[in-house]
C-alpha cells in the first residue's frame, strides 16, 4: 500500500477523533487497521472502511447535535 491508500484508510479514525467520543475511537481505529491489512483484497477493505466511516459519521453527528 502506498501513502495515499493508508491516508484514505485512516479517515474513519480521524473523523472519530473529531467526534471526541471515546466509544467511537476504538472501533474506528480497528476498522482503519483492518482496511490497511485487507488492502490486497479491495472488496473486503471497502467493507471495513465503510463500517468505520458509518461509526465515525454517527459519532460526529451526535457530537454536532449535542452542541
Protein backbone atom coordinates (compact mmCIF):
# COMPACT_ATOMS: atom_id res chain seq x y z
CA UNK A 1 0.00 0.00 0.00
CA UNK A 2 1.20 3.48 -0.71
CA UNK A 3 0.86 6.60 1.41
CA UNK A 4 -2.35 7.74 -0.30
CA UNK A 5 -4.10 4.44 0.36
CA UNK A 6 -3.03 4.47 4.00
CA UNK A 7 -4.23 8.07 4.33
CA UNK A 8 -7.65 7.15 2.95
CA UNK A 9 -7.78 4.14 5.27
CA UNK A 10 -7.16 6.43 8.26
CA UNK A 11 -10.11 8.73 7.52
CA UNK A 12 -12.60 6.88 9.80
CA UNK A 13 -10.16 7.13 12.69
CA UNK A 14 -9.57 10.85 12.09
CA UNK A 15 -13.30 11.57 11.89
CA UNK A 16 -13.80 9.66 15.14
CA UNK A 17 -11.13 11.81 16.76
CA UNK A 18 -13.10 14.91 15.73
CA UNK A 19 -16.18 13.49 17.43
CA UNK A 20 -14.26 13.20 20.72
CA UNK A 21 -16.30 10.16 21.68
CA UNK A 22 -14.19 7.51 23.35
CA UNK A 23 -16.66 4.82 22.41
CA UNK A 24 -16.22 5.51 18.70
CA UNK A 25 -12.45 5.94 18.55
CA UNK A 26 -11.52 2.31 19.24
CA UNK A 27 -13.86 0.69 16.66
CA UNK A 28 -12.83 3.22 14.03
CA UNK A 29 -9.16 2.57 14.75
CA UNK A 30 -9.79 -1.16 14.33
CA UNK A 31 -11.68 -0.55 11.09
CA UNK A 32 -8.78 1.52 9.76
CA UNK A 33 -6.28 -1.18 10.71
CA UNK A 34 -8.40 -3.85 9.04
CA UNK A 35 -8.65 -1.66 5.94
CA UNK A 36 -4.87 -1.46 5.72
CA UNK A 37 -4.44 -5.17 6.39
CA UNK A 38 -7.05 -6.11 3.78
CA UNK A 39 -5.61 -3.73 1.19
CA UNK A 40 -4.70 -6.60 -1.10
CA UNK A 41 -8.36 -7.66 -1.23
CA UNK A 42 -10.18 -4.46 -2.28
CA UNK A 43 -13.76 -5.67 -1.73
CA UNK A 44 -13.10 -6.64 1.87
CA UNK A 45 -11.12 -3.46 2.51
CA UNK A 46 -14.01 -1.35 1.24
CA UNK A 47 -16.43 -3.09 3.60
CA UNK A 48 -14.15 -2.46 6.59
CA UNK A 49 -13.68 1.17 5.54
CA UNK A 50 -17.44 1.73 5.10
CA UNK A 51 -18.20 0.27 8.52
CA UNK A 52 -15.59 2.54 10.09
CA UNK A 53 -16.98 5.58 8.29
CA UNK A 54 -20.51 4.72 9.38
CA UNK A 55 -19.46 4.53 13.02
CA UNK A 56 -17.45 7.75 12.76
CA UNK A 57 -20.23 9.63 10.97
CA UNK A 58 -22.81 8.69 13.59
CA UNK A 59 -20.44 9.73 16.39
CA UNK A 60 -19.71 13.06 14.70
CA UNK A 61 -23.41 13.69 14.07
CA UNK A 62 -24.19 13.06 17.74
CA UNK A 63 -21.45 15.48 18.80
CA UNK A 64 -22.78 18.18 16.49
CA UNK A 65 -26.32 17.54 17.65
CA UNK A 66 -25.35 17.82 21.33
CA UNK A 67 -23.83 21.20 20.93
